[in-house]
């Protein structure tokens, strides 16, 4: 009947959630899922690429209970701000390493340390 996100990490990934549901006899139950990896295992038949998602209930019937939930993803990289596919696209268009990093991390500087 509801998927409730309790906690997100610094990168926006879901770290704790509760799934509320009704069984075949209409009795209410809930399952708490903690840890990002467990959430990714539990929320997809094969494996969810990322727990960085928003939950949207859809198809509510007369009883107000949703028929399904849409998980809207927010990426499946490392969660630190650089889109790997976007960086690849910029590289293929001829952007330099410095320009790509400056795009994703404004104000940063590259320094040779060795």
N, C-alpha and C. Protein backbone atom coordinates (compact mmCIF):
# COMPACT_ATOMS: atom_id res chain seq x y z
N UNK A 1 0.81 -1.20 0.00
CA UNK A 1 0.00 0.00 0.00
C UNK A 1 0.85 1.26 0.00
N UNK A 2 2.12 1.13 0.46
CA UNK A 2 2.98 2.31 0.52
C UNK A 2 4.44 1.87 0.63
N UNK A 3 5.32 2.63 -0.01
CA UNK A 3 6.76 2.46 0.16
C UNK A 3 7.26 3.75 0.80
N UNK A 4 7.81 3.62 1.98
CA UNK A 4 8.20 4.78 2.77
C UNK A 4 9.72 4.80 2.93
N UNK A 5 10.35 5.84 2.39
CA UNK A 5 11.80 6.00 2.52
C UNK A 5 12.09 6.73 3.83
N UNK A 6 12.96 6.13 4.65
CA UNK A 6 13.29 6.70 5.95
C UNK A 6 14.60 7.48 5.96
N UNK A 7 15.58 6.98 5.20
CA UNK A 7 16.90 7.59 5.29
C UNK A 7 17.60 7.50 3.94
N UNK A 8 18.32 8.58 3.61
CA UNK A 8 19.16 8.62 2.42
C UNK A 8 20.58 8.98 2.84
N UNK A 9 21.54 8.46 2.09
CA UNK A 9 22.93 8.80 2.34
C UNK A 9 23.27 10.15 1.72
N UNK A 10 24.52 10.56 1.86
CA UNK A 10 24.97 11.84 1.35
C UNK A 10 24.82 11.98 -0.15
N UNK A 11 24.86 10.87 -0.89
CA UNK A 11 24.73 10.92 -2.35
C UNK A 11 23.28 10.82 -2.80
N UNK A 12 22.35 10.74 -1.84
CA UNK A 12 20.93 10.65 -2.19
C UNK A 12 20.40 9.24 -2.32
N UNK A 13 21.25 8.26 -2.12
CA UNK A 13 20.80 6.87 -2.22
C UNK A 13 20.00 6.48 -0.98
N UNK A 14 18.99 5.65 -1.21
CA UNK A 14 18.13 5.19 -0.13
C UNK A 14 18.88 4.18 0.72
N UNK A 15 18.93 4.41 2.02
CA UNK A 15 19.61 3.50 2.95
C UNK A 15 18.65 2.73 3.83
N UNK A 16 17.40 3.18 3.90
CA UNK A 16 16.42 2.53 4.78
C UNK A 16 15.02 2.83 4.26
N UNK A 17 14.21 1.79 4.14
CA UNK A 17 12.83 1.99 3.72
C UNK A 17 11.93 0.91 4.30
N UNK A 18 10.63 1.17 4.25
CA UNK A 18 9.63 0.21 4.69
C UNK A 18 8.62 0.02 3.56
N UNK A 19 8.31 -1.23 3.26
CA UNK A 19 7.27 -1.57 2.29
C UNK A 19 6.05 -2.02 3.09
N UNK A 20 4.95 -1.29 2.93
CA UNK A 20 3.68 -1.64 3.57
C UNK A 20 2.80 -2.32 2.53
N UNK A 21 2.18 -3.45 2.88
CA UNK A 21 1.37 -4.18 1.90
C UNK A 21 0.24 -4.94 2.59
N UNK A 22 -0.70 -5.40 1.77
CA UNK A 22 -1.80 -6.24 2.24
C UNK A 22 -1.60 -7.64 1.68
N UNK A 23 -1.82 -8.66 2.51
CA UNK A 23 -1.72 -10.02 2.01
C UNK A 23 -3.03 -10.41 1.33
N UNK A 24 -3.16 -11.67 0.92
CA UNK A 24 -4.34 -12.13 0.19
C UNK A 24 -5.62 -12.04 1.02
N UNK A 25 -5.48 -12.01 2.34
CA UNK A 25 -6.65 -11.89 3.22
C UNK A 25 -6.88 -10.45 3.65
N UNK A 26 -6.16 -9.52 3.00
CA UNK A 26 -6.27 -8.08 3.28
C UNK A 26 -5.73 -7.68 4.65
N UNK A 27 -4.89 -8.52 5.24
CA UNK A 27 -4.23 -8.17 6.50
C UNK A 27 -2.99 -7.32 6.19
N UNK A 28 -2.80 -6.27 6.97
CA UNK A 28 -1.68 -5.35 6.74
C UNK A 28 -0.38 -5.90 7.31
N UNK A 29 0.69 -5.72 6.54
CA UNK A 29 2.03 -6.13 6.95
C UNK A 29 3.02 -5.07 6.50
N UNK A 30 4.23 -5.15 7.02
CA UNK A 30 5.29 -4.27 6.54
C UNK A 30 6.63 -4.99 6.65
N UNK A 31 7.54 -4.59 5.77
CA UNK A 31 8.89 -5.14 5.76
C UNK A 31 9.86 -3.96 5.79
N UNK A 32 10.78 -3.97 6.75
CA UNK A 32 11.82 -2.95 6.81
C UNK A 32 13.04 -3.47 6.06
N UNK A 33 13.57 -2.66 5.18
CA UNK A 33 14.77 -3.03 4.43
C UNK A 33 15.83 -1.97 4.72
N UNK A 34 16.94 -2.43 5.25
CA UNK A 34 18.02 -1.51 5.60
C UNK A 34 19.26 -1.92 4.83
N UNK A 35 20.07 -0.98 4.48
CA UNK A 35 21.32 -1.13 3.74
C UNK A 35 21.04 -1.02 2.24
N UNK A 36 21.83 -0.19 1.62
CA UNK A 36 21.67 0.13 0.21
C UNK A 36 21.69 -1.11 -0.67
N UNK A 37 22.61 -2.04 -0.44
CA UNK A 37 22.71 -3.25 -1.24
C UNK A 37 21.45 -4.10 -1.11
N UNK A 38 20.93 -4.26 0.10
CA UNK A 38 19.71 -5.05 0.32
C UNK A 38 18.51 -4.43 -0.39
N UNK A 39 18.45 -3.11 -0.40
CA UNK A 39 17.37 -2.41 -1.10
C UNK A 39 17.45 -2.70 -2.58
N UNK A 40 18.66 -2.63 -3.15
CA UNK A 40 18.83 -2.90 -4.58
C UNK A 40 18.46 -4.33 -4.93
N UNK A 41 18.76 -5.28 -4.05
CA UNK A 41 18.40 -6.68 -4.28
C UNK A 41 16.89 -6.89 -4.20
N UNK A 42 16.25 -6.24 -3.25
CA UNK A 42 14.84 -6.47 -2.96
C UNK A 42 13.87 -5.78 -3.91
N UNK A 43 14.28 -4.67 -4.51
CA UNK A 43 13.34 -3.83 -5.26
C UNK A 43 13.31 -4.12 -6.76
N UNK A 44 13.97 -5.19 -7.21
CA UNK A 44 13.96 -5.54 -8.63
C UNK A 44 14.12 -7.04 -8.77
N UNK A 45 13.48 -7.63 -9.78
CA UNK A 45 13.54 -9.08 -9.97
C UNK A 45 14.97 -9.57 -10.19
N UNK A 46 15.78 -8.81 -10.92
CA UNK A 46 17.17 -9.19 -11.15
C UNK A 46 18.07 -8.45 -10.17
N UNK A 47 18.23 -7.15 -10.38
CA UNK A 47 19.05 -6.34 -9.47
C UNK A 47 18.88 -4.89 -9.87
N UNK A 48 18.55 -4.05 -8.95
CA UNK A 48 18.37 -2.63 -9.20
C UNK A 48 19.75 -1.97 -9.25
N UNK A 49 20.02 -1.21 -10.32
CA UNK A 49 21.35 -0.61 -10.49
C UNK A 49 21.71 0.38 -9.39
N UNK A 50 20.73 1.08 -8.85
CA UNK A 50 21.02 2.09 -7.84
C UNK A 50 19.83 2.26 -6.91
N UNK A 51 20.12 2.64 -5.69
CA UNK A 51 19.03 2.95 -4.76
C UNK A 51 18.78 4.46 -4.71
N UNK A 52 19.30 5.17 -5.72
CA UNK A 52 19.02 6.61 -5.85
C UNK A 52 17.74 6.75 -6.66
N UNK A 53 16.60 6.69 -5.99
CA UNK A 53 15.33 6.76 -6.69
C UNK A 53 14.29 7.48 -5.85
N UNK A 54 13.26 7.93 -6.54
CA UNK A 54 12.07 8.48 -5.91
C UNK A 54 10.95 7.49 -6.14
N UNK A 55 10.03 7.37 -5.20
CA UNK A 55 8.91 6.42 -5.31
C UNK A 55 7.64 7.19 -5.62
N UNK A 56 6.93 6.71 -6.64
CA UNK A 56 5.65 7.32 -7.00
C UNK A 56 4.59 6.23 -7.04
N UNK A 57 3.55 6.37 -6.21
CA UNK A 57 2.43 5.43 -6.22
C UNK A 57 1.56 5.73 -7.43
N UNK A 58 1.10 4.68 -8.13
CA UNK A 58 0.29 4.88 -9.33
C UNK A 58 -0.89 3.92 -9.35
N UNK A 59 -1.90 4.30 -10.10
CA UNK A 59 -3.06 3.44 -10.34
C UNK A 59 -3.92 3.17 -9.13
N UNK A 60 -4.15 4.17 -8.29
CA UNK A 60 -4.98 3.97 -7.10
C UNK A 60 -6.42 3.64 -7.49
N UNK A 61 -6.97 2.61 -6.88
CA UNK A 61 -8.35 2.22 -7.12
C UNK A 61 -9.30 2.97 -6.22
N UNK A 62 -10.55 2.51 -6.16
CA UNK A 62 -11.57 3.15 -5.33
C UNK A 62 -11.19 3.14 -3.86
N UNK A 63 -10.44 2.12 -3.47
CA UNK A 63 -10.01 2.01 -2.07
C UNK A 63 -8.81 2.90 -1.75
N UNK A 64 -8.27 3.57 -2.77
CA UNK A 64 -7.13 4.45 -2.57
C UNK A 64 -5.78 3.74 -2.54
N UNK A 65 -5.80 2.43 -2.70
CA UNK A 65 -4.57 1.65 -2.66
C UNK A 65 -3.96 1.61 -4.07
N UNK A 66 -2.69 1.97 -4.20
CA UNK A 66 -2.05 1.96 -5.52
C UNK A 66 -1.97 0.55 -6.09
N UNK A 67 -2.07 0.45 -7.41
CA UNK A 67 -1.92 -0.85 -8.06
C UNK A 67 -0.45 -1.18 -8.28
N UNK A 68 0.39 -0.14 -8.36
CA UNK A 68 1.83 -0.36 -8.53
C UNK A 68 2.60 0.90 -8.14
N UNK A 69 3.90 0.75 -8.09
CA UNK A 69 4.79 1.86 -7.74
C UNK A 69 5.82 2.05 -8.84
N UNK A 70 6.10 3.29 -9.17
CA UNK A 70 7.13 3.62 -10.16
C UNK A 70 8.34 4.14 -9.39
N UNK A 71 9.49 3.51 -9.64
CA UNK A 71 10.74 3.99 -9.06
C UNK A 71 11.42 4.83 -10.12
N UNK A 72 11.56 6.10 -9.85
CA UNK A 72 12.19 7.03 -10.80
C UNK A 72 13.65 7.20 -10.39
N UNK A 73 14.53 6.67 -11.23
CA UNK A 73 15.95 6.66 -10.92
C UNK A 73 16.61 8.01 -11.03
N UNK A 74 17.67 8.15 -10.27
CA UNK A 74 18.45 9.39 -10.28
C UNK A 74 19.91 9.08 -10.55
N UNK A 75 20.15 8.13 -11.45
CA UNK A 75 21.52 7.79 -11.83
C UNK A 75 21.99 6.49 -11.21
N UNK A 76 23.05 5.95 -11.79
CA UNK A 76 23.62 4.72 -11.24
C UNK A 76 25.14 4.72 -11.35
N UNK A 77 25.71 5.88 -11.11
CA UNK A 77 27.17 6.00 -11.04
C UNK A 77 27.63 5.84 -9.60
N UNK A 78 28.72 6.50 -9.29
CA UNK A 78 29.31 6.39 -7.96
C UNK A 78 28.68 7.35 -6.95
N UNK A 79 27.86 8.27 -7.43
CA UNK A 79 27.17 9.17 -6.51
C UNK A 79 28.01 10.34 -6.02
N UNK A 80 29.05 10.69 -6.77
CA UNK A 80 29.89 11.81 -6.34
C UNK A 80 29.81 13.00 -7.29
N UNK A 81 28.93 12.95 -8.29
CA UNK A 81 28.70 14.13 -9.11
C UNK A 81 29.17 14.08 -10.54
N UNK A 82 29.93 13.08 -10.94
CA UNK A 82 30.39 13.00 -12.32
C UNK A 82 29.62 11.91 -13.04
N UNK A 83 28.89 12.29 -14.07
CA UNK A 83 28.14 11.32 -14.88
C UNK A 83 29.12 10.68 -15.86
N UNK A 84 29.30 9.39 -15.74
CA UNK A 84 30.27 8.70 -16.58
C UNK A 84 29.89 8.76 -18.06
N UNK A 85 28.63 8.62 -18.37
CA UNK A 85 28.18 8.69 -19.76
C UNK A 85 28.31 10.11 -20.29
N UNK A 86 27.95 11.09 -19.46
CA UNK A 86 28.09 12.49 -19.86
C UNK A 86 29.55 12.86 -20.12
N UNK A 87 30.44 12.40 -19.25
CA UNK A 87 31.87 12.66 -19.43
C UNK A 87 32.39 12.01 -20.71
N UNK A 88 31.92 10.80 -20.99
CA UNK A 88 32.31 10.13 -22.23
C UNK A 88 31.83 10.93 -23.44
N UNK A 89 30.58 11.40 -23.38
CA UNK A 89 30.04 12.20 -24.48
C UNK A 89 30.85 13.47 -24.71
N UNK A 90 31.22 14.13 -23.63
CA UNK A 90 32.04 15.35 -23.76
C UNK A 90 33.40 15.01 -24.36
N UNK A 91 33.98 13.90 -23.94
CA UNK A 91 35.28 13.47 -24.46
C UNK A 91 35.19 13.20 -25.96
N UNK A 92 34.14 12.51 -26.38
CA UNK A 92 33.97 12.19 -27.80
C UNK A 92 33.74 13.45 -28.64
N UNK A 93 33.25 14.51 -28.01
CA UNK A 93 33.07 15.79 -28.71
C UNK A 93 34.35 16.62 -28.70
N UNK A 94 35.41 16.10 -28.09
CA UNK A 94 36.69 16.78 -28.12
C UNK A 94 37.03 17.62 -26.90
N UNK A 95 36.20 17.59 -25.86
CA UNK A 95 36.51 18.36 -24.66
C UNK A 95 37.73 17.75 -23.97
N UNK A 96 38.56 18.59 -23.38
CA UNK A 96 39.75 18.13 -22.66
C UNK A 96 39.35 17.57 -21.29
N UNK A 97 40.28 16.85 -20.70
CA UNK A 97 40.07 16.33 -19.34
C UNK A 97 39.75 17.46 -18.38
N UNK A 98 40.51 18.55 -18.50
CA UNK A 98 40.32 19.70 -17.61
C UNK A 98 38.93 20.30 -17.77
N UNK A 99 38.47 20.42 -19.03
CA UNK A 99 37.15 21.01 -19.29
C UNK A 99 36.03 20.12 -18.74
N UNK A 100 36.19 18.81 -18.88
CA UNK A 100 35.18 17.87 -18.38
C UNK A 100 35.10 17.96 -16.86
N UNK A 101 36.24 17.91 -16.19
CA UNK A 101 36.24 17.97 -14.73
C UNK A 101 35.73 19.31 -14.23
N UNK A 102 36.07 20.38 -14.94
CA UNK A 102 35.58 21.71 -14.56
C UNK A 102 34.06 21.80 -14.71
N UNK A 103 33.52 21.11 -15.72
CA UNK A 103 32.06 21.09 -15.91
C UNK A 103 31.36 20.43 -14.72
N UNK A 104 31.87 19.30 -14.27
CA UNK A 104 31.23 18.55 -13.19
C UNK A 104 31.62 19.06 -11.80
N UNK A 105 32.79 19.64 -11.68
CA UNK A 105 33.27 20.11 -10.38
C UNK A 105 33.75 21.56 -10.51
N UNK A 106 32.81 22.51 -10.67
CA UNK A 106 33.19 23.92 -10.87
C UNK A 106 34.08 24.43 -9.74
N UNK A 107 35.10 25.18 -10.12
CA UNK A 107 36.00 25.75 -9.13
C UNK A 107 37.13 24.83 -8.71
N UNK A 108 37.11 23.59 -9.17
CA UNK A 108 38.18 22.66 -8.78
C UNK A 108 39.42 22.93 -9.63
N UNK A 109 40.56 22.47 -9.14
CA UNK A 109 41.83 22.64 -9.84
C UNK A 109 42.55 21.31 -9.89
N UNK A 110 43.16 21.02 -11.03
CA UNK A 110 44.00 19.83 -11.16
C UNK A 110 45.42 20.23 -10.82
N UNK A 111 46.08 19.43 -9.99
CA UNK A 111 47.47 19.70 -9.62
C UNK A 111 48.27 18.42 -9.74
N UNK A 112 49.44 18.55 -10.30
CA UNK A 112 50.34 17.41 -10.38
C UNK A 112 51.00 17.25 -9.02
N UNK A 113 50.91 16.06 -8.45
CA UNK A 113 51.44 15.86 -7.10
C UNK A 113 52.60 14.86 -7.07
N UNK A 114 53.01 14.40 -8.22
CA UNK A 114 54.16 13.49 -8.24
C UNK A 114 55.04 13.78 -9.42
